Amino acid sequence: MTLRAVLFDFDGTLADTAPDMSAAINRLRVENGLEPLAYDRLRPWVSHGSPGLLKIAFGLERDAEGYGELRDRFLALYESRLSAETKLFDGMQAVLDGIVARGLAWGIVTNKPAWLTDPLVADMAIAPAPGCVVSGDTTAHHKPHPAPILHACECLGVAPAECVYIGDAERDIQAAHAAGMPAIAARYGYLQADEDPSEWRPDAIIDAPGELLDWLARNLERES
């Protein structure tokens, strides 16, 4: 393969957003007369966004009565403290530096809505900066549909086959493969206890961000 760009999922892959998202859902529980849940219980649900967190915290599905009001309040609470504790995963800064040092572009493709993604990315002041940020509402579809990933390729001016996508959920692998690019599963992300990333049929699995540099080195060597 000819590799020209690396694309990342955001929550649970590029950035550790679980502390702030878990704090917001626990504030919502307290507002509703419930005790906070343990962080370790909430963390695996963060990659599933509002639906996942409302399910574990309140036992509600999307079509349940009162779901919309709780979701809106959760998002408002989260927006009020977007970046209090959120940071890149340990080792990710070296990965981004290594990507750029190898002459590759990089970008973000997330299902998080732009009104949360854009200010959070700005707050984090990630450097080197991403070449594109595609949110869940940037296109008419969100992952596992390939449209957001294909849009990112257009923004970066690269073909899908010249990219690799890294994510911590099955929908990430599905979206990348549907777009025609290899996909890497981030096992260090927000996985459920019973999830096995190998069942998603990724092209590789990494247990720490730094392992991505090893994968890139092997594949770039093949090109030369």
N, C-alpha and C. Protein backbone atom coordinates (compact mmCIF):
# COMPACT_ATOMS: atom_id res chain seq x y z
N MET A 1 0.83 -1.19 0.00
CA MET A 1 0.00 0.00 0.00
C MET A 1 0.88 1.25 0.00
N THR A 2 0.38 2.31 -0.59
CA THR A 2 1.01 3.62 -0.51
C THR A 2 0.28 4.41 0.56
N LEU A 3 0.97 4.73 1.63
CA LEU A 3 0.34 5.38 2.77
C LEU A 3 0.66 6.87 2.77
N ARG A 4 -0.39 7.70 2.81
CA ARG A 4 -0.21 9.14 2.81
C ARG A 4 -0.89 9.84 3.98
N ALA A 5 -1.78 9.13 4.69
CA ALA A 5 -2.52 9.80 5.78
C ALA A 5 -2.98 8.79 6.82
N VAL A 6 -3.14 9.29 8.05
CA VAL A 6 -3.62 8.51 9.17
C VAL A 6 -4.84 9.23 9.75
N LEU A 7 -5.94 8.49 9.92
CA LEU A 7 -7.17 9.06 10.47
C LEU A 7 -7.48 8.39 11.80
N PHE A 8 -7.93 9.19 12.76
CA PHE A 8 -8.24 8.69 14.10
C PHE A 8 -9.69 8.93 14.47
N ASP A 9 -10.29 7.96 15.13
CA ASP A 9 -11.47 8.21 15.93
C ASP A 9 -11.03 9.10 17.09
N PHE A 10 -11.96 9.81 17.70
CA PHE A 10 -11.57 10.75 18.77
C PHE A 10 -11.68 10.11 20.16
N ASP A 11 -12.92 9.93 20.63
CA ASP A 11 -13.12 9.40 21.99
C ASP A 11 -12.63 7.96 22.08
N GLY A 12 -11.70 7.71 22.97
CA GLY A 12 -11.22 6.35 23.19
C GLY A 12 -10.12 5.89 22.26
N THR A 13 -9.72 6.75 21.34
CA THR A 13 -8.64 6.39 20.41
C THR A 13 -7.56 7.46 20.42
N LEU A 14 -7.91 8.67 20.04
CA LEU A 14 -6.96 9.78 20.09
C LEU A 14 -6.91 10.40 21.48
N ALA A 15 -8.08 10.68 22.04
CA ALA A 15 -8.16 11.42 23.31
C ALA A 15 -8.91 10.62 24.36
N ASP A 16 -8.47 10.78 25.60
CA ASP A 16 -9.13 10.16 26.74
C ASP A 16 -10.17 11.14 27.28
N THR A 17 -11.39 11.04 26.75
CA THR A 17 -12.48 11.94 27.14
C THR A 17 -13.35 11.36 28.25
N ALA A 18 -13.08 10.14 28.65
CA ALA A 18 -13.94 9.46 29.61
C ALA A 18 -14.10 10.19 30.94
N PRO A 19 -13.04 10.80 31.51
CA PRO A 19 -13.24 11.49 32.79
C PRO A 19 -14.29 12.59 32.72
N ASP A 20 -14.28 13.41 31.68
CA ASP A 20 -15.24 14.50 31.58
C ASP A 20 -16.63 14.01 31.21
N MET A 21 -16.73 13.03 30.33
CA MET A 21 -18.05 12.51 29.96
C MET A 21 -18.67 11.74 31.12
N SER A 22 -17.86 11.01 31.87
CA SER A 22 -18.38 10.28 33.03
C SER A 22 -18.83 11.25 34.12
N ALA A 23 -18.07 12.32 34.31
CA ALA A 23 -18.44 13.31 35.32
C ALA A 23 -19.78 13.95 34.96
N ALA A 24 -20.01 14.21 33.68
CA ALA A 24 -21.26 14.84 33.25
C ALA A 24 -22.46 13.91 33.50
N ILE A 25 -22.31 12.62 33.17
CA ILE A 25 -23.45 11.71 33.37
C ILE A 25 -23.70 11.49 34.85
N ASN A 26 -22.65 11.54 35.67
CA ASN A 26 -22.86 11.40 37.10
C ASN A 26 -23.51 12.64 37.70
N ARG A 27 -23.19 13.82 37.17
CA ARG A 27 -23.89 15.03 37.64
C ARG A 27 -25.37 14.95 37.30
N LEU A 28 -25.67 14.37 36.15
CA LEU A 28 -27.06 14.19 35.75
C LEU A 28 -27.77 13.20 36.68
N ARG A 29 -27.09 12.15 37.07
CA ARG A 29 -27.68 11.19 38.02
C ARG A 29 -27.98 11.88 39.34
N VAL A 30 -27.04 12.66 39.83
CA VAL A 30 -27.24 13.35 41.10
C VAL A 30 -28.43 14.32 41.01
N GLU A 31 -28.53 15.03 39.88
CA GLU A 31 -29.67 15.93 39.69
C GLU A 31 -31.00 15.19 39.76
N ASN A 32 -30.97 13.91 39.40
CA ASN A 32 -32.18 13.10 39.39
C ASN A 32 -32.30 12.20 40.63
N GLY A 33 -31.57 12.55 41.68
CA GLY A 33 -31.69 11.85 42.94
C GLY A 33 -31.03 10.50 43.01
N LEU A 34 -30.06 10.25 42.13
CA LEU A 34 -29.35 8.97 42.10
C LEU A 34 -27.91 9.14 42.53
N GLU A 35 -27.32 8.07 43.04
CA GLU A 35 -25.92 8.09 43.42
C GLU A 35 -25.03 8.03 42.17
N PRO A 36 -23.86 8.64 42.22
CA PRO A 36 -22.92 8.52 41.09
C PRO A 36 -22.50 7.07 40.89
N LEU A 37 -22.23 6.72 39.65
CA LEU A 37 -21.71 5.39 39.34
C LEU A 37 -20.19 5.41 39.34
N ALA A 38 -19.58 4.28 39.61
CA ALA A 38 -18.13 4.18 39.61
C ALA A 38 -17.58 4.46 38.22
N TYR A 39 -16.47 5.15 38.15
CA TYR A 39 -15.86 5.50 36.87
C TYR A 39 -15.58 4.26 36.02
N ASP A 40 -15.09 3.19 36.63
CA ASP A 40 -14.76 1.97 35.88
C ASP A 40 -16.00 1.36 35.23
N ARG A 41 -17.18 1.62 35.78
CA ARG A 41 -18.40 1.10 35.19
C ARG A 41 -18.84 1.95 34.00
N LEU A 42 -18.55 3.24 34.04
CA LEU A 42 -18.97 4.15 32.98
C LEU A 42 -18.00 4.15 31.80
N ARG A 43 -16.71 4.02 32.07
CA ARG A 43 -15.69 4.19 31.04
C ARG A 43 -15.94 3.37 29.77
N PRO A 44 -16.31 2.07 29.87
CA PRO A 44 -16.48 1.29 28.64
C PRO A 44 -17.61 1.78 27.74
N TRP A 45 -18.49 2.65 28.26
CA TRP A 45 -19.64 3.10 27.49
C TRP A 45 -19.39 4.43 26.79
N VAL A 46 -18.26 5.06 27.04
CA VAL A 46 -18.03 6.41 26.53
C VAL A 46 -17.98 6.46 25.00
N SER A 47 -17.40 5.45 24.37
CA SER A 47 -17.34 5.45 22.91
C SER A 47 -18.71 5.37 22.27
N HIS A 48 -19.71 4.97 23.04
CA HIS A 48 -21.07 4.89 22.51
C HIS A 48 -21.84 6.19 22.73
N GLY A 49 -21.16 7.23 23.23
CA GLY A 49 -21.75 8.55 23.33
C GLY A 49 -22.95 8.61 24.25
N SER A 50 -23.82 9.58 23.97
CA SER A 50 -25.01 9.77 24.81
C SER A 50 -25.87 8.52 24.94
N PRO A 51 -26.15 7.80 23.82
CA PRO A 51 -26.99 6.61 23.98
C PRO A 51 -26.41 5.58 24.94
N GLY A 52 -25.11 5.34 24.84
CA GLY A 52 -24.48 4.36 25.72
C GLY A 52 -24.48 4.79 27.17
N LEU A 53 -24.15 6.04 27.42
CA LEU A 53 -24.08 6.52 28.79
C LEU A 53 -25.46 6.63 29.43
N LEU A 54 -26.46 7.02 28.67
CA LEU A 54 -27.82 7.08 29.22
C LEU A 54 -28.37 5.68 29.47
N LYS A 55 -27.91 4.72 28.69
CA LYS A 55 -28.34 3.34 28.90
C LYS A 55 -27.76 2.79 30.20
N ILE A 56 -26.46 2.98 30.42
CA ILE A 56 -25.85 2.43 31.63
C ILE A 56 -26.24 3.22 32.87
N ALA A 57 -26.45 4.53 32.71
CA ALA A 57 -26.74 5.37 33.88
C ALA A 57 -28.21 5.40 34.26
N PHE A 58 -29.10 5.23 33.28
CA PHE A 58 -30.54 5.34 33.55
C PHE A 58 -31.36 4.16 33.01
N GLY A 59 -30.72 3.23 32.32
CA GLY A 59 -31.44 2.10 31.76
C GLY A 59 -32.38 2.48 30.64
N LEU A 60 -32.07 3.57 29.92
CA LEU A 60 -32.96 4.09 28.89
C LEU A 60 -32.44 3.81 27.49
N GLU A 61 -33.35 3.38 26.60
CA GLU A 61 -33.04 3.28 25.19
C GLU A 61 -33.50 4.57 24.51
N ARG A 62 -33.09 4.76 23.25
CA ARG A 62 -33.39 6.00 22.53
C ARG A 62 -34.88 6.31 22.45
N ASP A 63 -35.72 5.28 22.37
CA ASP A 63 -37.15 5.50 22.19
C ASP A 63 -37.92 5.59 23.49
N ALA A 64 -37.22 5.61 24.62
CA ALA A 64 -37.89 5.65 25.93
C ALA A 64 -38.43 7.05 26.23
N GLU A 65 -39.51 7.10 26.98
CA GLU A 65 -40.08 8.37 27.40
C GLU A 65 -39.07 9.13 28.27
N GLY A 66 -38.88 10.39 27.98
CA GLY A 66 -37.96 11.22 28.75
C GLY A 66 -36.53 11.15 28.29
N TYR A 67 -36.25 10.28 27.30
CA TYR A 67 -34.87 10.14 26.83
C TYR A 67 -34.33 11.45 26.27
N GLY A 68 -35.11 12.11 25.43
CA GLY A 68 -34.64 13.33 24.79
C GLY A 68 -34.27 14.42 25.79
N GLU A 69 -35.08 14.58 26.82
CA GLU A 69 -34.81 15.61 27.82
C GLU A 69 -33.53 15.29 28.60
N LEU A 70 -33.35 14.02 28.97
CA LEU A 70 -32.13 13.63 29.69
C LEU A 70 -30.91 13.78 28.80
N ARG A 71 -31.02 13.40 27.52
CA ARG A 71 -29.89 13.55 26.60
C ARG A 71 -29.49 15.01 26.47
N ASP A 72 -30.45 15.89 26.29
CA ASP A 72 -30.14 17.31 26.13
C ASP A 72 -29.48 17.87 27.38
N ARG A 73 -29.96 17.46 28.55
CA ARG A 73 -29.37 17.95 29.80
C ARG A 73 -27.96 17.39 29.97
N PHE A 74 -27.76 16.12 29.63
CA PHE A 74 -26.42 15.53 29.70
C PHE A 74 -25.45 16.30 28.82
N LEU A 75 -25.86 16.58 27.59
CA LEU A 75 -24.97 17.29 26.67
C LEU A 75 -24.67 18.71 27.17
N ALA A 76 -25.65 19.34 27.78
CA ALA A 76 -25.41 20.68 28.33
C ALA A 76 -24.40 20.62 29.48
N LEU A 77 -24.53 19.62 30.33
CA LEU A 77 -23.58 19.46 31.43
C LEU A 77 -22.19 19.15 30.91
N TYR A 78 -22.12 18.30 29.89
CA TYR A 78 -20.83 17.96 29.30
C TYR A 78 -20.20 19.18 28.64
N GLU A 79 -20.99 19.95 27.91
CA GLU A 79 -20.47 21.13 27.23
C GLU A 79 -19.89 22.13 28.22
N SER A 80 -20.47 22.19 29.42
CA SER A 80 -20.01 23.17 30.42
C SER A 80 -18.62 22.85 30.96
N ARG A 81 -18.18 21.59 30.81
CA ARG A 81 -16.84 21.19 31.27
C ARG A 81 -16.25 20.19 30.27
N LEU A 82 -16.06 20.67 29.06
CA LEU A 82 -15.60 19.80 27.97
C LEU A 82 -14.20 19.27 28.16
N SER A 83 -13.32 20.11 28.65
CA SER A 83 -11.90 19.77 28.62
C SER A 83 -11.23 19.88 29.98
N ALA A 84 -11.99 19.68 31.05
CA ALA A 84 -11.41 19.79 32.39
C ALA A 84 -10.31 18.76 32.61
N GLU A 85 -10.57 17.52 32.18
CA GLU A 85 -9.59 16.44 32.38
C GLU A 85 -9.23 15.71 31.09
N THR A 86 -9.86 16.06 30.00
CA THR A 86 -9.59 15.37 28.73
C THR A 86 -8.17 15.67 28.24
N LYS A 87 -7.52 14.65 27.74
CA LYS A 87 -6.16 14.81 27.22
C LYS A 87 -5.89 13.72 26.19
N LEU A 88 -4.82 13.89 25.42
CA LEU A 88 -4.38 12.82 24.54
C LEU A 88 -4.00 11.60 25.38
N PHE A 89 -4.21 10.43 24.83
CA PHE A 89 -3.75 9.23 25.52
C PHE A 89 -2.23 9.25 25.67
N ASP A 90 -1.76 8.64 26.74
CA ASP A 90 -0.31 8.57 26.96
C ASP A 90 0.38 7.96 25.73
N GLY A 91 1.39 8.64 25.25
CA GLY A 91 2.12 8.17 24.10
C GLY A 91 1.59 8.70 22.78
N MET A 92 0.41 9.32 22.77
CA MET A 92 -0.17 9.76 21.51
C MET A 92 0.56 10.97 20.94
N GLN A 93 1.10 11.84 21.79
CA GLN A 93 1.83 12.98 21.25
C GLN A 93 3.03 12.53 20.41
N ALA A 94 3.74 11.54 20.90
CA ALA A 94 4.88 11.01 20.13
C ALA A 94 4.41 10.39 18.82
N VAL A 95 3.22 9.78 18.83
CA VAL A 95 2.66 9.20 17.61
C VAL A 95 2.38 10.30 16.58
N LEU A 96 1.73 11.37 17.02
CA LEU A 96 1.42 12.46 16.09
C LEU A 96 2.71 13.09 15.54
N ASP A 97 3.68 13.28 16.42
CA ASP A 97 4.96 13.83 15.96
C ASP A 97 5.60 12.89 14.94
N GLY A 98 5.52 11.59 15.20
CA GLY A 98 6.11 10.62 14.28
C GLY A 98 5.40 10.56 12.95
N ILE A 99 4.09 10.72 12.97
CA ILE A 99 3.32 10.73 11.72
C ILE A 99 3.76 11.88 10.84
N VAL A 100 3.84 13.07 11.43
CA VAL A 100 4.22 14.25 10.65
C VAL A 100 5.68 14.16 10.21
N ALA A 101 6.54 13.61 11.06
CA ALA A 101 7.95 13.46 10.70
C ALA A 101 8.13 12.53 9.50
N ARG A 102 7.19 11.61 9.32
CA ARG A 102 7.25 10.70 8.19
C ARG A 102 6.59 11.29 6.93
N GLY A 103 6.16 12.54 7.02
CA GLY A 103 5.58 13.21 5.86
C GLY A 103 4.14 12.84 5.60
N LEU A 104 3.46 12.30 6.61
CA LEU A 104 2.07 11.89 6.46
C LEU A 104 1.13 12.96 7.00
N ALA A 105 -0.05 13.05 6.42
CA ALA A 105 -1.10 13.91 6.96
C ALA A 105 -1.88 13.12 8.01
N TRP A 106 -2.62 13.85 8.86
CA TRP A 106 -3.46 13.14 9.81
C TRP A 106 -4.74 13.93 10.06
N GLY A 107 -5.79 13.22 10.48
CA GLY A 107 -7.06 13.88 10.72
C GLY A 107 -7.91 13.11 11.72
N ILE A 108 -9.02 13.70 12.06
CA ILE A 108 -9.96 13.14 13.04
C ILE A 108 -11.29 12.87 12.35
N VAL A 109 -11.86 11.69 12.60
CA VAL A 109 -13.21 11.36 12.13
C VAL A 109 -13.97 10.78 13.33
N THR A 110 -14.95 11.52 13.82
CA THR A 110 -15.66 11.14 15.03
C THR A 110 -17.17 11.23 14.82
N ASN A 111 -17.92 10.50 15.64
CA ASN A 111 -19.38 10.63 15.62
C ASN A 111 -19.85 11.73 16.56
N LYS A 112 -18.94 12.33 17.29
CA LYS A 112 -19.28 13.44 18.18
C LYS A 112 -19.76 14.62 17.33
N PRO A 113 -20.82 15.34 17.72
CA PRO A 113 -21.28 16.47 16.92
C PRO A 113 -20.27 17.61 16.91
N ALA A 114 -20.29 18.38 15.84
CA ALA A 114 -19.28 19.43 15.66
C ALA A 114 -19.33 20.48 16.76
N TRP A 115 -20.52 20.76 17.31
CA TRP A 115 -20.60 21.80 18.33
C TRP A 115 -19.91 21.38 19.63
N LEU A 116 -19.59 20.10 19.76
CA LEU A 116 -18.76 19.64 20.87
C LEU A 116 -17.32 19.37 20.41
N THR A 117 -17.19 18.77 19.23
CA THR A 117 -15.86 18.41 18.74
C THR A 117 -14.97 19.63 18.54
N ASP A 118 -15.48 20.63 17.83
CA ASP A 118 -14.65 21.77 17.45
C ASP A 118 -14.09 22.54 18.65
N PRO A 119 -14.93 22.90 19.64
CA PRO A 119 -14.35 23.60 20.79
C PRO A 119 -13.42 22.72 21.62
N LEU A 120 -13.70 21.43 21.67
CA LEU A 120 -12.83 20.54 22.44
C LEU A 120 -11.46 20.42 21.79
N VAL A 121 -11.43 20.24 20.48
CA VAL A 121 -10.16 20.17 19.77
C VAL A 121 -9.40 21.49 19.94
N ALA A 122 -10.12 22.61 19.88
CA ALA A 122 -9.48 23.92 20.07
C ALA A 122 -8.92 24.06 21.48
N ASP A 123 -9.70 23.63 22.48
CA ASP A 123 -9.23 23.70 23.87
C ASP A 123 -7.96 22.89 24.08
N MET A 124 -7.88 21.74 23.42
CA MET A 124 -6.73 20.86 23.61
C MET A 124 -5.48 21.38 22.91
N ALA A 125 -5.68 22.26 21.94
CA ALA A 125 -4.55 22.87 21.21
C ALA A 125 -3.57 21.79 20.73
N ILE A 126 -4.10 20.78 20.06
CA ILE A 126 -3.27 19.67 19.60
C ILE A 126 -2.28 20.17 18.54
N ALA A 127 -1.04 19.84 18.74
CA ALA A 127 0.00 20.21 17.78
C ALA A 127 0.95 19.01 17.62
N PRO A 128 1.22 18.65 16.37
CA PRO A 128 0.77 19.26 15.11
C PRO A 128 -0.74 19.15 14.93
N ALA A 129 -1.33 20.19 14.36
CA ALA A 129 -2.78 20.25 14.22
C ALA A 129 -3.27 19.26 13.18
N PRO A 130 -4.49 18.73 13.36
CA PRO A 130 -5.05 17.81 12.36
C PRO A 130 -5.31 18.54 11.05
N GLY A 131 -5.14 17.82 9.96
CA GLY A 131 -5.42 18.39 8.65
C GLY A 131 -6.90 18.49 8.36
N CYS A 132 -7.72 17.73 9.10
CA CYS A 132 -9.17 17.82 8.96
C CYS A 132 -9.80 17.29 10.24
N VAL A 133 -10.99 17.79 10.53
CA VAL A 133 -11.80 17.29 11.64
C VAL A 133 -13.20 17.06 11.09
N VAL A 134 -13.60 15.80 11.01
CA VAL A 134 -14.92 15.43 10.50
C VAL A 134 -15.75 14.92 11.67
N SER A 135 -16.85 15.59 11.95
CA SER A 135 -17.70 15.24 13.09
C SER A 135 -18.90 14.41 12.65
N GLY A 136 -19.69 14.00 13.61
CA GLY A 136 -20.82 13.14 13.31
C GLY A 136 -21.89 13.78 12.47
N ASP A 137 -21.93 15.12 12.46
CA ASP A 137 -22.93 15.83 11.66
C ASP A 137 -22.31 16.59 10.50
N THR A 138 -21.05 16.31 10.18
CA THR A 138 -20.40 16.97 9.04
C THR A 138 -21.01 16.51 7.73
N THR A 139 -21.32 15.22 7.64
CA THR A 139 -21.96 14.67 6.45
C THR A 139 -23.37 14.22 6.83
N ALA A 140 -24.08 13.71 5.87
CA ALA A 140 -25.46 13.25 6.12
C ALA A 140 -25.49 11.94 6.89
N HIS A 141 -24.35 11.30 7.07
CA HIS A 141 -24.28 10.00 7.75
C HIS A 141 -23.19 10.04 8.82
N HIS A 142 -23.24 9.08 9.70
CA HIS A 142 -22.16 8.90 10.66
C HIS A 142 -21.74 7.43 10.67
N LYS A 143 -20.59 7.17 11.24
CA LYS A 143 -20.08 5.80 11.27
C LYS A 143 -21.12 4.87 11.93
N PRO A 144 -21.32 3.68 11.38
CA PRO A 144 -20.44 2.89 10.50
C PRO A 144 -20.56 3.19 9.00
N HIS A 145 -21.35 4.18 8.62
CA HIS A 145 -21.39 4.57 7.21
C HIS A 145 -20.03 5.12 6.81
N PRO A 146 -19.55 4.85 5.60
CA PRO A 146 -18.22 5.33 5.21
C PRO A 146 -18.15 6.81 4.85
N ALA A 147 -19.30 7.49 4.74
CA ALA A 147 -19.30 8.88 4.25
C ALA A 147 -18.36 9.80 5.02
N PRO A 148 -18.33 9.78 6.36
CA PRO A 148 -17.42 10.69 7.06
C PRO A 148 -15.95 10.42 6.74
N ILE A 149 -15.58 9.16 6.63
CA ILE A 149 -14.19 8.82 6.32
C ILE A 149 -13.84 9.23 4.89
N LEU A 150 -14.76 9.02 3.98
CA LEU A 150 -14.52 9.44 2.60
C LEU A 150 -14.40 10.96 2.51
N HIS A 151 -15.19 11.67 3.30
CA HIS A 151 -15.10 13.13 3.33
C HIS A 151 -13.74 13.58 3.84
N ALA A 152 -13.24 12.89 4.86
CA ALA A 152 -11.91 13.22 5.39
C ALA A 152 -10.84 13.04 4.32
N CYS A 153 -10.96 11.97 3.54
CA CYS A 153 -9.99 11.75 2.46
C CYS A 153 -10.04 12.90 1.45
N GLU A 154 -11.24 13.35 1.12
CA GLU A 154 -11.37 14.47 0.20
C GLU A 154 -10.72 15.73 0.77
N CYS A 155 -10.93 15.97 2.07
CA CYS A 155 -10.35 17.15 2.71
C CYS A 155 -8.82 17.11 2.68
N LEU A 156 -8.26 15.92 2.84
CA LEU A 156 -6.80 15.78 2.86
C LEU A 156 -6.22 15.60 1.47
N GLY A 157 -7.06 15.39 0.48
CA GLY A 157 -6.58 15.20 -0.88
C GLY A 157 -5.89 13.89 -1.11
N VAL A 158 -6.38 12.84 -0.46
CA VAL A 158 -5.78 11.51 -0.61
C VAL A 158 -6.86 10.51 -0.95
N ALA A 159 -6.46 9.41 -1.56
CA ALA A 159 -7.39 8.34 -1.87
C ALA A 159 -7.61 7.48 -0.63
N PRO A 160 -8.80 6.89 -0.48
CA PRO A 160 -9.04 6.04 0.69
C PRO A 160 -8.00 4.94 0.86
N ALA A 161 -7.55 4.35 -0.23
CA ALA A 161 -6.57 3.27 -0.15
C ALA A 161 -5.20 3.75 0.33
N GLU A 162 -5.02 5.08 0.39
CA GLU A 162 -3.75 5.65 0.86
C GLU A 162 -3.81 6.06 2.32
N CYS A 163 -4.88 5.67 3.01
CA CYS A 163 -5.07 6.03 4.42
C CYS A 163 -5.20 4.78 5.28
N VAL A 164 -5.06 4.99 6.57
CA VAL A 164 -5.40 3.97 7.55
C VAL A 164 -6.23 4.65 8.63
N TYR A 165 -7.22 3.92 9.16
CA TYR A 165 -8.10 4.48 10.19
C TYR A 165 -7.94 3.69 11.48
N ILE A 166 -7.86 4.39 12.60
CA ILE A 166 -7.71 3.76 13.92
C ILE A 166 -8.90 4.10 14.77
N GLY A 167 -9.53 3.06 15.37
CA GLY A 167 -10.68 3.29 16.23
C GLY A 167 -10.83 2.20 17.26
N ASP A 168 -11.68 2.46 18.25
CA ASP A 168 -11.84 1.52 19.36
C ASP A 168 -13.22 0.87 19.40
N ALA A 169 -13.97 0.96 18.30
CA ALA A 169 -15.30 0.36 18.24
C ALA A 169 -15.48 -0.37 16.92
N GLU A 170 -16.37 -1.35 16.91
CA GLU A 170 -16.59 -2.13 15.69
C GLU A 170 -17.04 -1.25 14.55
N ARG A 171 -17.85 -0.23 14.83
CA ARG A 171 -18.33 0.65 13.76
C ARG A 171 -17.17 1.38 13.07
N ASP A 172 -16.06 1.60 13.79
CA ASP A 172 -14.89 2.24 13.19
C ASP A 172 -14.28 1.33 12.12
N ILE A 173 -14.15 0.08 12.46
CA ILE A 173 -13.57 -0.89 11.52
C ILE A 173 -14.49 -1.06 10.32
N GLN A 174 -15.79 -1.14 10.58
CA GLN A 174 -16.76 -1.29 9.50
C GLN A 174 -16.72 -0.09 8.56
N ALA A 175 -16.67 1.11 9.11
CA ALA A 175 -16.67 2.32 8.29
C ALA A 175 -15.42 2.40 7.42
N ALA A 176 -14.27 2.09 8.02
CA ALA A 176 -13.02 2.14 7.27
C ALA A 176 -13.02 1.14 6.13
N HIS A 177 -13.41 -0.09 6.41
CA HIS A 177 -13.42 -1.11 5.37
C HIS A 177 -14.43 -0.78 4.27
N ALA A 178 -15.57 -0.21 4.67
CA ALA A 178 -16.56 0.19 3.66
C ALA A 178 -16.03 1.31 2.78
N ALA A 179 -15.12 2.12 3.35
CA ALA A 179 -14.50 3.22 2.59
C ALA A 179 -13.35 2.73 1.73
N GLY A 180 -12.91 1.50 1.94
CA GLY A 180 -11.83 0.94 1.14
C GLY A 180 -10.46 1.19 1.70
N MET A 181 -10.34 1.26 3.03
CA MET A 181 -9.03 1.48 3.64
C MET A 181 -8.80 0.50 4.78
N PRO A 182 -7.54 0.22 5.10
CA PRO A 182 -7.25 -0.64 6.24
C PRO A 182 -7.66 0.02 7.54
N ALA A 183 -7.94 -0.81 8.53
CA ALA A 183 -8.39 -0.31 9.83
C ALA A 183 -7.64 -1.01 10.95
N ILE A 184 -7.31 -0.23 11.97
CA ILE A 184 -6.60 -0.75 13.14
C ILE A 184 -7.48 -0.56 14.37
N ALA A 185 -7.64 -1.61 15.16
CA ALA A 185 -8.44 -1.55 16.38
C ALA A 185 -7.55 -1.15 17.55
N ALA A 186 -8.00 -0.15 18.30
CA ALA A 186 -7.27 0.33 19.48
C ALA A 186 -7.81 -0.38 20.72
N ARG A 187 -7.11 -1.41 21.15
CA ARG A 187 -7.60 -2.20 22.28
C ARG A 187 -7.44 -1.44 23.60
N TYR A 188 -6.65 -0.37 23.63
CA TYR A 188 -6.50 0.43 24.84
C TYR A 188 -7.70 1.36 25.07
N GLY A 189 -8.63 1.40 24.11
CA GLY A 189 -9.76 2.32 24.18
C GLY A 189 -10.87 1.83 25.09
N TYR A 190 -12.08 2.30 24.80
CA TYR A 190 -13.23 2.06 25.70
C TYR A 190 -14.01 0.83 25.28
N LEU A 191 -13.43 -0.34 25.49
CA LEU A 191 -14.07 -1.59 25.10
C LEU A 191 -14.88 -2.17 26.25
N GLN A 192 -15.98 -2.82 25.90
CA GLN A 192 -16.75 -3.58 26.88
C GLN A 192 -15.96 -4.83 27.28
N ALA A 193 -16.26 -5.35 28.46
CA ALA A 193 -15.51 -6.50 28.98
C ALA A 193 -15.64 -7.71 28.06
N ASP A 194 -16.78 -7.84 27.39
CA ASP A 194 -17.00 -9.01 26.54
C ASP A 194 -16.67 -8.76 25.07
N GLU A 195 -16.08 -7.62 24.75
CA GLU A 195 -15.74 -7.33 23.36
C GLU A 195 -14.36 -7.87 23.01
N ASP A 196 -14.28 -8.49 21.85
CA ASP A 196 -13.02 -9.01 21.33
C ASP A 196 -12.76 -8.34 19.98
N PRO A 197 -11.83 -7.37 19.91
CA PRO A 197 -11.60 -6.65 18.66
C PRO A 197 -11.24 -7.53 17.48
N SER A 198 -10.69 -8.71 17.74
CA SER A 198 -10.34 -9.58 16.62
C SER A 198 -11.58 -10.02 15.85
N GLU A 199 -12.74 -10.03 16.52
CA GLU A 199 -13.97 -10.41 15.86
C GLU A 199 -14.44 -9.35 14.86
N TRP A 200 -13.91 -8.14 14.98
CA TRP A 200 -14.28 -7.07 14.05
C TRP A 200 -13.52 -7.18 12.72
N ARG A 201 -12.54 -8.07 12.67
CA ARG A 201 -11.70 -8.29 11.49
C ARG A 201 -10.89 -7.04 11.09
N PRO A 202 -10.21 -6.42 12.06
CA PRO A 202 -9.33 -5.30 11.70
C PRO A 202 -8.08 -5.82 11.00
N ASP A 203 -7.35 -4.91 10.41
CA ASP A 203 -6.10 -5.29 9.76
C ASP A 203 -4.96 -5.41 10.77
N ALA A 204 -5.15 -4.83 11.94
CA ALA A 204 -4.17 -4.94 13.03
C ALA A 204 -4.87 -4.52 14.32
N ILE A 205 -4.29 -4.90 15.44
CA ILE A 205 -4.78 -4.49 16.76
C ILE A 205 -3.59 -3.93 17.52
N ILE A 206 -3.78 -2.79 18.17
CA ILE A 206 -2.71 -2.21 18.99
C ILE A 206 -3.19 -2.08 20.44
N ASP A 207 -2.27 -2.31 21.37
CA ASP A 207 -2.58 -2.24 22.79
C ASP A 207 -2.11 -0.94 23.43
N ALA A 208 -1.41 -0.12 22.68
CA ALA A 208 -0.94 1.19 23.15
C ALA A 208 -0.71 2.06 21.93
N PRO A 209 -0.87 3.38 22.06
CA PRO A 209 -0.69 4.26 20.90
C PRO A 209 0.65 4.08 20.19
N GLY A 210 1.73 3.90 20.96
CA GLY A 210 3.05 3.80 20.36
C GLY A 210 3.20 2.66 19.38
N GLU A 211 2.36 1.62 19.51
CA GLU A 211 2.43 0.49 18.58
C GLU A 211 2.03 0.90 17.16
N LEU A 212 1.31 2.01 17.05
CA LEU A 212 0.94 2.48 15.72
C LEU A 212 2.18 2.89 14.93
N LEU A 213 3.17 3.48 15.61
CA LEU A 213 4.40 3.86 14.92
C LEU A 213 5.12 2.63 14.38
N ASP A 214 5.09 1.54 15.13
CA ASP A 214 5.70 0.29 14.66
C ASP A 214 4.99 -0.20 13.40
N TRP A 215 3.65 -0.13 13.41
CA TRP A 215 2.87 -0.57 12.24
C TRP A 215 3.20 0.31 11.03
N LEU A 216 3.27 1.62 11.26
CA LEU A 216 3.60 2.54 10.17
C LEU A 216 4.99 2.26 9.61
N ALA A 217 5.94 2.00 10.51
CA ALA A 217 7.31 1.75 10.06
C ALA A 217 7.37 0.51 9.18
N ARG A 218 6.66 -0.53 9.58
CA ARG A 218 6.66 -1.78 8.79
C ARG A 218 6.05 -1.55 7.43
N ASN A 219 4.95 -0.82 7.36
CA ASN A 219 4.26 -0.63 6.09
C ASN A 219 4.94 0.38 5.19
N LEU A 220 5.59 1.39 5.78
CA LEU A 220 6.33 2.33 4.96
C LEU A 220 7.59 1.68 4.40
N GLU A 221 8.17 0.76 5.14
CA GLU A 221 9.33 0.02 4.65
C GLU A 221 8.96 -0.82 3.43
N ARG A 222 7.76 -1.39 3.45
CA ARG A 222 7.31 -2.20 2.33
C ARG A 222 7.18 -1.35 1.07
N GLU A 223 6.79 -0.08 1.25
CA GLU A 223 6.65 0.79 0.09
C GLU A 223 8.00 1.04 -0.57
N SER A 224 9.04 1.20 0.26
CA SER A 224 10.36 1.49 -0.28
C SER A 224 11.07 0.20 -0.72
